[in-house]
PDB file of N, CA and C in Angstrom:
ATOM      1  N   UNK A   1     147.153  75.868 135.785  1.00  0.00           N
ATOM      2  CA  UNK A   1     147.479  75.380 134.464  1.00  0.00           C
ATOM      3  C   UNK A   1     148.790  76.035 134.023  1.00  0.00           C
ATOM      4  N   UNK A   2     149.615  75.277 133.405  1.00  0.00           N
ATOM      5  CA  UNK A   2     150.891  75.810 132.940  1.00  0.00           C
ATOM      6  C   UNK A   2     150.690  76.632 131.680  1.00  0.00           C
ATOM      7  N   UNK A   3     151.604  77.531 131.430  1.00  0.00           N
ATOM      8  CA  UNK A   3     151.532  78.390 130.246  1.00  0.00           C
ATOM      9  C   UNK A   3     151.541  77.559 128.970  1.00  0.00           C
ATOM     10  N   UNK A   4     152.300  76.439 128.987  1.00  0.00           N
ATOM     11  CA  UNK A   4     152.372  75.582 127.795  1.00  0.00           C
ATOM     12  C   UNK A   4     150.992  74.995 127.476  1.00  0.00           C
ATOM     13  N   UNK A   5     150.277  74.556 128.512  1.00  0.00           N
ATOM     14  CA  UNK A   5     148.944  73.997 128.295  1.00  0.00           C
ATOM     15  C   UNK A   5     147.978  75.056 127.763  1.00  0.00           C
ATOM     16  N   UNK A   6     148.058  76.249 128.310  1.00  0.00           N
ATOM     17  CA  UNK A   6     147.197  77.332 127.828  1.00  0.00           C
ATOM     18  C   UNK A   6     147.463  77.621 126.358  1.00  0.00           C
ATOM     19  N   UNK A   7     148.735  77.593 125.989  1.00  0.00           N
ATOM     20  CA  UNK A   7     149.112  77.849 124.593  1.00  0.00           C
ATOM     21  C   UNK A   7     148.578  76.746 123.680  1.00  0.00           C
ATOM     22  N   UNK A   8     148.701  75.489 124.113  1.00  0.00           N
ATOM     23  CA  UNK A   8     148.196  74.364 123.321  1.00  0.00           C
ATOM     24  C   UNK A   8     146.674  74.449 123.168  1.00  0.00           C
ATOM     25  N   UNK A   9     145.999  74.789 124.251  1.00  0.00           N
ATOM     26  CA  UNK A   9     144.537  74.921 124.201  1.00  0.00           C
ATOM     27  C   UNK A   9     144.135  76.040 123.246  1.00  0.00           C
ATOM     28  N   UNK A  10     144.839  77.156 123.288  1.00  0.00           N
ATOM     29  CA  UNK A  10     144.539  78.278 122.390  1.00  0.00           C
ATOM     30  C   UNK A  10     144.748  77.877 120.936  1.00  0.00           C
ATOM     31  N   UNK A  11     145.812  77.115 120.659  1.00  0.00           N
ATOM     32  CA  UNK A  11     146.079  76.657 119.290  1.00  0.00           C
ATOM     33  C   UNK A  11     144.980  75.712 118.810  1.00  0.00           C
ATOM     34  N   UNK A  12     144.602  74.758 119.679  1.00  0.00           N
ATOM     35  CA  UNK A  12     143.524  73.831 119.316  1.00  0.00           C
ATOM     36  C   UNK A  12     142.213  74.571 119.068  1.00  0.00           C
ATOM     37  N   UNK A  13     141.911  75.509 119.934  1.00  0.00           N
ATOM     38  CA  UNK A  13     140.689  76.295 119.792  1.00  0.00           C
ATOM     39  C   UNK A  13     140.680  77.028 118.453  1.00  0.00           C
ATOM     40  N   UNK A  14     141.786  77.668 118.112  1.00  0.00           N
ATOM     41  CA  UNK A  14     141.876  78.408 116.846  1.00  0.00           C
ATOM     42  C   UNK A  14     141.728  77.467 115.659  1.00  0.00           C
ATOM     43  N   UNK A  15     142.388  76.291 115.723  1.00  0.00           N
ATOM     44  CA  UNK A  15     142.325  75.348 114.606  1.00  0.00           C
ATOM     45  C   UNK A  15     140.901  74.818 114.426  1.00  0.00           C
ATOM     46  N   UNK A  16     140.251  74.423 115.531  1.00  0.00           N
ATOM     47  CA  UNK A  16     138.896  73.895 115.432  1.00  0.00           C
ATOM     48  C   UNK A  16     137.900  74.966 115.001  1.00  0.00           C
ATOM     49  N   UNK A  17     138.131  76.189 115.430  1.00  0.00           N
ATOM     50  CA  UNK A  17     137.253  77.285 115.012  1.00  0.00           C
ATOM     51  C   UNK A  17     137.306  77.447 113.495  1.00  0.00           C
ATOM     52  N   UNK A  18     138.515  77.385 112.929  1.00  0.00           N
ATOM     53  CA  UNK A  18     138.676  77.493 111.476  1.00  0.00           C
ATOM     54  C   UNK A  18     138.016  76.305 110.786  1.00  0.00           C
ATOM     55  N   UNK A  19     138.242  75.095 111.299  1.00  0.00           N
ATOM     56  CA  UNK A  19     137.666  73.900 110.678  1.00  0.00           C
ATOM     57  C   UNK A  19     136.137  73.930 110.718  1.00  0.00           C
ATOM     58  N   UNK A  20     135.578  74.346 111.826  1.00  0.00           N
ATOM     59  CA  UNK A  20     134.115  74.428 111.944  1.00  0.00           C
ATOM     60  C   UNK A  20     133.566  75.485 110.993  1.00  0.00           C
ATOM     61  N   UNK A  21     134.229  76.634 110.918  1.00  0.00           N
ATOM     62  CA  UNK A  21     133.789  77.697 110.008  1.00  0.00           C
ATOM     63  C   UNK A  21     133.815  77.211 108.565  1.00  0.00           C
ATOM     64  N   UNK A  22     134.877  76.503 108.182  1.00  0.00           N
ATOM     65  CA  UNK A  22     134.974  75.981 106.816  1.00  0.00           C
ATOM     66  C   UNK A  22     133.881  74.952 106.541  1.00  0.00           C
ATOM     67  N   UNK A  23     133.591  74.086 107.514  1.00  0.00           N
ATOM     68  CA  UNK A  23     132.551  73.070 107.329  1.00  0.00           C
ATOM     69  C   UNK A  23     131.174  73.713 107.164  1.00  0.00           C
ATOM     70  N   UNK A  24     130.884  74.720 107.964  1.00  0.00           N
ATOM     71  CA  UNK A  24     129.594  75.415 107.862  1.00  0.00           C
ATOM     72  C   UNK A  24     129.493  76.142 106.524  1.00  0.00           C
ATOM     73  N   UNK A  25     130.582  76.772 106.102  1.00  0.00           N
ATOM     74  CA  UNK A  25     130.595  77.471 104.814  1.00  0.00           C
ATOM     75  C   UNK A  25     130.351  76.492 103.673  1.00  0.00           C
ATOM     76  N   UNK A  26     131.016  75.336 103.696  1.00  0.00           N
ATOM     77  CA  UNK A  26     130.818  74.324 102.652  1.00  0.00           C
ATOM     78  C   UNK A  26     129.381  73.813 102.640  1.00  0.00           C
ATOM     79  N   UNK A  27     128.825  73.557 103.814  1.00  0.00           N
ATOM     80  CA  UNK A  27     127.444  73.070 103.891  1.00  0.00           C
ATOM     81  C   UNK A  27     126.471  74.116 103.358  1.00  0.00           C
ATOM     82  N   UNK A  28     126.709  75.375 103.683  1.00  0.00           N
ATOM     83  CA  UNK A  28     125.847  76.458 103.205  1.00  0.00           C
ATOM     84  C   UNK A  28     125.922  76.572 101.690  1.00  0.00           C
ATOM     85  N   UNK A  29     127.125  76.495 101.145  1.00  0.00           N
ATOM     86  CA  UNK A  29     127.282  76.541  99.679  1.00  0.00           C
ATOM     87  C   UNK A  29     126.554  75.385  99.018  1.00  0.00           C
ATOM     88  N   UNK A  30     126.651  74.199  99.605  1.00  0.00           N
ATOM     89  CA  UNK A  30     125.988  73.022  99.063  1.00  0.00           C
ATOM     90  C   UNK A  30     124.476  73.226  99.025  1.00  0.00           C
ATOM     91  N   UNK A  31     123.918  73.731 100.102  1.00  0.00           N
ATOM     92  CA  UNK A  31     122.471  73.983 100.160  1.00  0.00           C
ATOM     93  C   UNK A  31     122.071  75.030  99.123  1.00  0.00           C
ATOM     94  N   UNK A  32     122.828  76.118  99.035  1.00  0.00           N
ATOM     95  CA  UNK A  32     122.507  77.165  98.061  1.00  0.00           C
ATOM     96  C   UNK A  32     122.609  76.646  96.633  1.00  0.00           C
ATOM     97  N   UNK A  33     123.612  75.805  96.351  1.00  0.00           N
ATOM     98  CA  UNK A  33     123.742  75.221  95.016  1.00  0.00           C
ATOM     99  C   UNK A  33     122.523  74.378  94.676  1.00  0.00           C
ATOM    100  N   UNK A  34     122.020  73.635  95.656  1.00  0.00           N
ATOM    101  CA  UNK A  34     120.855  72.793  95.406  1.00  0.00           C
ATOM    102  C   UNK A  34     119.572  73.611  95.282  1.00  0.00           C
ATOM    103  N   UNK A  35     119.507  74.755  95.943  1.00  0.00           N
ATOM    104  CA  UNK A  35     118.315  75.601  95.870  1.00  0.00           C
ATOM    105  C   UNK A  35     118.328  76.533  94.657  1.00  0.00           C
ATOM    106  N   UNK A  36     119.480  76.727  94.029  1.00  0.00           N
ATOM    107  CA  UNK A  36     119.605  77.697  92.942  1.00  0.00           C
ATOM    108  C   UNK A  36     118.606  77.476  91.803  1.00  0.00           C
ATOM    109  N   UNK A  37     118.394  76.243  91.320  1.00  0.00           N
ATOM    110  CA  UNK A  37     117.388  76.061  90.256  1.00  0.00           C
ATOM    111  C   UNK A  37     115.999  76.530  90.685  1.00  0.00           C
ATOM    112  N   UNK A  38     115.630  76.263  91.924  1.00  0.00           N
ATOM    113  CA  UNK A  38     114.336  76.715  92.440  1.00  0.00           C
ATOM    114  C   UNK A  38     114.286  78.242  92.479  1.00  0.00           C
ATOM    115  N   UNK A  39     115.365  78.874  92.948  1.00  0.00           N
ATOM    116  CA  UNK A  39     115.414  80.335  93.008  1.00  0.00           C
ATOM    117  C   UNK A  39     115.358  80.935  91.606  1.00  0.00           C
ATOM    118  N   UNK A  40     116.034  80.302  90.643  1.00  0.00           N
ATOM    119  CA  UNK A  40     115.978  80.781  89.257  1.00  0.00           C
ATOM    120  C   UNK A  40     114.563  80.693  88.713  1.00  0.00           C
ATOM    121  N   UNK A  41     113.852  79.626  89.035  1.00  0.00           N
ATOM    122  CA  UNK A  41     112.468  79.468  88.590  1.00  0.00           C
ATOM    123  C   UNK A  41     111.604  80.586  89.144  1.00  0.00           C
ATOM    124  N   UNK A  42     111.788  80.913  90.423  1.00  0.00           N
ATOM    125  CA  UNK A  42     111.024  82.011  91.015  1.00  0.00           C
ATOM    126  C   UNK A  42     111.311  83.318  90.302  1.00  0.00           C
ATOM    127  N   UNK A  43     112.564  83.568  89.987  1.00  0.00           N
ATOM    128  CA  UNK A  43     112.958  84.813  89.338  1.00  0.00           C
ATOM    129  C   UNK A  43     112.342  84.911  87.948  1.00  0.00           C
ATOM    130  N   UNK A  44     112.401  83.835  87.174  1.00  0.00           N
ATOM    131  CA  UNK A  44     111.830  83.832  85.826  1.00  0.00           C
ATOM    132  C   UNK A  44     110.328  84.020  85.905  1.00  0.00           C
ATOM    133  N   UNK A  45     109.671  83.331  86.834  1.00  0.00           N
ATOM    134  CA  UNK A  45     108.227  83.437  86.955  1.00  0.00           C
ATOM    135  C   UNK A  45     107.817  84.848  87.353  1.00  0.00           C
ATOM    136  N   UNK A  46     108.575  85.496  88.211  1.00  0.00           N
ATOM    137  CA  UNK A  46     108.278  86.865  88.616  1.00  0.00           C
ATOM    138  C   UNK A  46     108.423  87.810  87.426  1.00  0.00           C
ATOM    139  N   UNK A  47     109.484  87.640  86.650  1.00  0.00           N
ATOM    140  CA  UNK A  47     109.715  88.516  85.503  1.00  0.00           C
ATOM    141  C   UNK A  47     108.638  88.352  84.442  1.00  0.00           C
ATOM    142  N   UNK A  48     108.190  87.136  84.191  1.00  0.00           N
ATOM    143  CA  UNK A  48     107.206  86.928  83.130  1.00  0.00           C
ATOM    144  C   UNK A  48     105.827  87.428  83.525  1.00  0.00           C
ATOM    145  N   UNK A  49     105.498  87.470  84.802  1.00  0.00           N
ATOM    146  CA  UNK A  49     104.177  87.966  85.188  1.00  0.00           C
ATOM    147  C   UNK A  49     104.090  89.476  85.089  1.00  0.00           C
ATOM    148  N   UNK A  50     105.219  90.162  85.020  1.00  0.00           N
ATOM    149  CA  UNK A  50     105.209  91.615  84.929  1.00  0.00           C
ATOM    150  C   UNK A  50     105.315  92.125  83.494  1.00  0.00           C
ATOM    151  N   UNK A  51     105.381  91.222  82.520  1.00  0.00           N
ATOM    152  CA  UNK A  51     105.475  91.634  81.123  1.00  0.00           C
ATOM    153  C   UNK A  51     104.099  92.098  80.652  1.00  0.00           C
ATOM    154  N   UNK A  52     104.063  93.266  80.041  1.00  0.00           N
ATOM    155  CA  UNK A  52     102.799  93.833  79.576  1.00  0.00           C
ATOM    156  C   UNK A  52     102.956  94.221  78.113  1.00  0.00           C
ATOM    157  N   UNK A  53     101.997  93.833  77.281  1.00  0.00           N
ATOM    158  CA  UNK A  53     102.021  94.219  75.877  1.00  0.00           C
ATOM    159  C   UNK A  53     101.492  95.635  75.739  1.00  0.00           C
ATOM    160  N   UNK A  54     102.231  96.487  75.009  1.00  0.00           N
ATOM    161  CA  UNK A  54     101.805  97.886  74.892  1.00  0.00           C
ATOM    162  C   UNK A  54     101.183  98.189  73.536  1.00  0.00           C
ATOM    163  N   UNK A  55     100.975  97.188  72.713  1.00  0.00           N
ATOM    164  CA  UNK A  55     100.401  97.437  71.395  1.00  0.00           C
ATOM    165  C   UNK A  55      98.945  97.865  71.528  1.00  0.00           C
ATOM    166  N   UNK A  56      98.628  99.025  70.937  1.00  0.00           N
ATOM    167  CA  UNK A  56      97.248  99.491  70.882  1.00  0.00           C
ATOM    168  C   UNK A  56      96.667  99.915  72.218  1.00  0.00           C
ATOM    169  N   UNK A  57      97.485 100.242  73.203  1.00  0.00           N
ATOM    170  CA  UNK A  57      96.934 100.685  74.478  1.00  0.00           C
ATOM    171  C   UNK A  57      97.698 101.901  74.969  1.00  0.00           C
ATOM    172  N   UNK A  58      97.055 102.685  75.828  1.00  0.00           N
ATOM    173  CA  UNK A  58      97.721 103.889  76.325  1.00  0.00           C
ATOM    174  C   UNK A  58      98.555 103.574  77.561  1.00  0.00           C
ATOM    175  N   UNK A  59      99.373 104.544  77.988  1.00  0.00           N
ATOM    176  CA  UNK A  59     100.295 104.334  79.106  1.00  0.00           C
ATOM    177  C   UNK A  59      99.558 104.043  80.405  1.00  0.00           C
ATOM    178  N   UNK A  60      98.416 104.695  80.623  1.00  0.00           N
ATOM    179  CA  UNK A  60      97.669 104.472  81.864  1.00  0.00           C
ATOM    180  C   UNK A  60      97.152 103.038  81.929  1.00  0.00           C
ATOM    181  N   UNK A  61      96.676 102.545  80.792  1.00  0.00           N
ATOM    182  CA  UNK A  61      96.198 101.175  80.720  1.00  0.00           C
ATOM    183  C   UNK A  61      97.340 100.200  80.987  1.00  0.00           C
ATOM    184  N   UNK A  62      98.520 100.479  80.421  1.00  0.00           N
ATOM    185  CA  UNK A  62      99.687  99.623  80.647  1.00  0.00           C
ATOM    186  C   UNK A  62     100.057  99.594  82.117  1.00  0.00           C
ATOM    187  N   UNK A  63     100.023 100.752  82.760  1.00  0.00           N
ATOM    188  CA  UNK A  63     100.369 100.829  84.176  1.00  0.00           C
ATOM    189  C   UNK A  63      99.397  99.995  85.002  1.00  0.00           C
ATOM    190  N   UNK A  64      98.118 100.090  84.688  1.00  0.00           N
ATOM    191  CA  UNK A  64      97.108  99.329  85.426  1.00  0.00           C
ATOM    192  C   UNK A  64      97.325  97.831  85.244  1.00  0.00           C
ATOM    193  N   UNK A  65      97.645  97.407  84.017  1.00  0.00           N
ATOM    194  CA  UNK A  65      97.865  95.990  83.745  1.00  0.00           C
ATOM    195  C   UNK A  65      99.117  95.468  84.443  1.00  0.00           C
ATOM    196  N   UNK A  66     100.121  96.329  84.621  1.00  0.00           N
ATOM    197  CA  UNK A  66     101.379  95.866  85.203  1.00  0.00           C
ATOM    198  C   UNK A  66     101.341  95.796  86.724  1.00  0.00           C
ATOM    199  N   UNK A  67     100.282  96.325  87.345  1.00  0.00           N
ATOM    200  CA  UNK A  67     100.174  96.261  88.809  1.00  0.00           C
ATOM    201  C   UNK A  67      99.969  94.809  89.233  1.00  0.00           C
ATOM    202  N   UNK A  68     100.559  94.417  90.355  1.00  0.00           N
ATOM    203  CA  UNK A  68     100.364  93.044  90.818  1.00  0.00           C
ATOM    204  C   UNK A  68      98.902  92.784  91.160  1.00  0.00           C
ATOM    205  N   UNK A  69      98.438  91.592  90.823  1.00  0.00           N
ATOM    206  CA  UNK A  69      97.054  91.225  91.100  1.00  0.00           C
ATOM    207  C   UNK A  69      96.974  90.449  92.393  1.00  0.00           C
ATOM    208  N   UNK A  70      95.875  90.627  93.083  1.00  0.00           N
ATOM    209  CA  UNK A  70      95.622  89.837  94.279  1.00  0.00           C
ATOM    210  C   UNK A  70      94.451  88.919  93.962  1.00  0.00           C
ATOM    211  N   UNK A  71      94.757  87.721  93.493  1.00  0.00           N
ATOM    212  CA  UNK A  71      93.719  86.777  93.088  1.00  0.00           C
ATOM    213  C   UNK A  71      92.960  86.187  94.269  1.00  0.00           C
ATOM    214  N   UNK A  72      93.467  86.390  95.498  1.00  0.00           N
ATOM    215  CA  UNK A  72      92.815  85.821  96.662  1.00  0.00           C
ATOM    216  C   UNK A  72      91.659  86.689  97.158  1.00  0.00           C
ATOM    217  N   UNK A  73      91.623  87.943  96.744  1.00  0.00           N
ATOM    218  CA  UNK A  73      90.591  88.862  97.212  1.00  0.00           C
ATOM    219  C   UNK A  73      89.817  89.367  95.999  1.00  0.00           C
ATOM    220  N   UNK A  74      88.524  89.077  95.942  1.00  0.00           N
ATOM    221  CA  UNK A  74      87.723  89.475  94.794  1.00  0.00           C
ATOM    222  C   UNK A  74      87.361  90.950  94.839  1.00  0.00           C
ATOM    223  N   UNK A  75      87.087  91.464  96.014  1.00  0.00           N
ATOM    224  CA  UNK A  75      86.668  92.843  96.157  1.00  0.00           C
ATOM    225  C   UNK A  75      87.602  93.519  97.154  1.00  0.00           C
ATOM    226  N   UNK A  76      88.126  94.691  96.792  1.00  0.00           N
ATOM    227  CA  UNK A  76      89.084  95.372  97.670  1.00  0.00           C
ATOM    228  C   UNK A  76      88.478  95.686  99.035  1.00  0.00           C
ATOM    229  N   UNK A  77      87.167  95.909  99.106  1.00  0.00           N
ATOM    230  CA  UNK A  77      86.556  96.214 100.396  1.00  0.00           C
ATOM    231  C   UNK A  77      86.581  94.994 101.316  1.00  0.00           C
ATOM    232  N   UNK A  78      86.671  93.790 100.735  1.00  0.00           N
ATOM    233  CA  UNK A  78      86.749  92.562 101.530  1.00  0.00           C
ATOM    234  C   UNK A  78      88.151  92.320 102.076  1.00  0.00           C
ATOM    235  N   UNK A  79      89.125  93.033 101.549  1.00  0.00           N
ATOM    236  CA  UNK A  79      90.521  92.730 101.851  1.00  0.00           C
ATOM    237  C   UNK A  79      90.843  92.812 103.341  1.00  0.00           C
ATOM    238  N   UNK A  80      90.306  93.811 104.034  1.00  0.00           N
ATOM    239  CA  UNK A  80      90.641  93.936 105.452  1.00  0.00           C
ATOM    240  C   UNK A  80      89.965  92.874 106.307  1.00  0.00           C
ATOM    241  N   UNK A  81      88.920  92.222 105.774  1.00  0.00           N
ATOM    242  CA  UNK A  81      88.230  91.185 106.527  1.00  0.00           C
ATOM    243  C   UNK A  81      88.910  89.826 106.404  1.00  0.00           C
ATOM    244  N   UNK A  82      89.768  89.677 105.409  1.00  0.00           N
ATOM    245  CA  UNK A  82      90.399  88.384 105.163  1.00  0.00           C
ATOM    246  C   UNK A  82      91.834  88.404 105.685  1.00  0.00           C
ATOM    247  N   UNK A  83      92.260  87.335 106.348  1.00  0.00           N
ATOM    248  CA  UNK A  83      93.636  87.295 106.850  1.00  0.00           C
ATOM    249  C   UNK A  83      94.635  87.140 105.708  1.00  0.00           C
ATOM    250  N   UNK A  84      95.815  87.638 105.921  1.00  0.00           N
ATOM    251  CA  UNK A  84      96.874  87.481 104.926  1.00  0.00           C
ATOM    252  C   UNK A  84      97.298  86.018 104.893  1.00  0.00           C
ATOM    253  N   UNK A  85      97.652  85.545 103.708  1.00  0.00           N
ATOM    254  CA  UNK A  85      98.126  84.168 103.575  1.00  0.00           C
ATOM    255  C   UNK A  85      99.527  84.083 104.170  1.00  0.00           C
ATOM    256  N   UNK A  86      99.668  83.290 105.206  1.00  0.00           N
ATOM    257  CA  UNK A  86     100.978  83.186 105.853  1.00  0.00           C
ATOM    258  C   UNK A  86     101.521  81.772 105.851  1.00  0.00           C
ATOM    259  N   UNK A  87     100.679  80.787 105.634  1.00  0.00           N
ATOM    260  CA  UNK A  87     101.155  79.406 105.665  1.00  0.00           C
ATOM    261  C   UNK A  87     101.466  78.935 104.253  1.00  0.00           C
ATOM    262  N   UNK A  88     102.690  78.496 104.046  1.00  0.00           N
ATOM    263  CA  UNK A  88     103.068  77.938 102.763  1.00  0.00           C
ATOM    264  C   UNK A  88     104.183  76.939 102.999  1.00  0.00           C
ATOM    265  N   UNK A  89     104.372  76.055 102.041  1.00  0.00           N
ATOM    266  CA  UNK A  89     105.460  75.092 102.174  1.00  0.00           C
ATOM    267  C   UNK A  89     106.163  74.975 100.835  1.00  0.00           C
ATOM    268  N   UNK A  90     107.409  74.619 100.892  1.00  0.00           N
ATOM    269  CA  UNK A  90     108.213  74.451  99.689  1.00  0.00           C
ATOM    270  C   UNK A  90     108.824  73.067  99.737  1.00  0.00           C
ATOM    271  N   UNK A  91     108.606  72.292  98.681  1.00  0.00           N
ATOM    272  CA  UNK A  91     109.210  70.969  98.607  1.00  0.00           C
ATOM    273  C   UNK A  91     110.579  71.123  97.975  1.00  0.00           C
ATOM    274  N   UNK A  92     111.618  70.975  98.766  1.00  0.00           N
ATOM    275  CA  UNK A  92     112.981  71.136  98.244  1.00  0.00           C
ATOM    276  C   UNK A  92     113.596  69.798  97.886  1.00  0.00           C
ATOM    277  N   UNK A  93     112.846  68.729  98.008  1.00  0.00           N
ATOM    278  CA  UNK A  93     113.396  67.419  97.705  1.00  0.00           C
ATOM    279  C   UNK A  93     114.295  66.946  98.825  1.00  0.00           C
ATOM    280  N   UNK A  94     115.041  65.914  98.549  1.00  0.00           N
ATOM    281  CA  UNK A  94     115.960  65.384  99.568  1.00  0.00           C
ATOM    282  C   UNK A  94     117.356  65.910  99.313  1.00  0.00           C
ATOM    283  N   UNK A  95     117.897  66.581 100.279  1.00  0.00           N
ATOM    284  CA  UNK A  95     119.282  67.022 100.174  1.00  0.00           C
ATOM    285  C   UNK A  95     119.917  66.953 101.537  1.00  0.00           C
ATOM    286  N   UNK A  96     121.223  66.772 101.534  1.00  0.00           N
ATOM    287  CA  UNK A  96     121.947  66.685 102.802  1.00  0.00           C
ATOM    288  C   UNK A  96     122.986  67.783 102.855  1.00  0.00           C
ATOM    289  N   UNK A  97     123.114  68.412 104.010  1.00  0.00           N
ATOM    290  CA  UNK A  97     124.117  69.466 104.180  1.00  0.00           C
ATOM    291  C   UNK A  97     125.464  68.843 104.468  1.00  0.00           C
TER     292      UNK A  97
END
């Protein structure tokens, strides 16, 4: 192969690498923009579940109330017998990258 051809191939490779990187970056931004409302909902829901009213209660009671609850396990002794929930799905609607 001639040096000129090698140089042309290197230039094409560099140009396409940049174009592909830009396309992937744009697609990723598009997906994140579409998921942002869902992520905001998760954040708000997480914050509101940790709010505890402190009127008329002591600090120990507040701490106990603010601990995360495990509604899937009724008795802590049963916890090791039950498998962790691992299957879940999220409906993200229709979007194109």
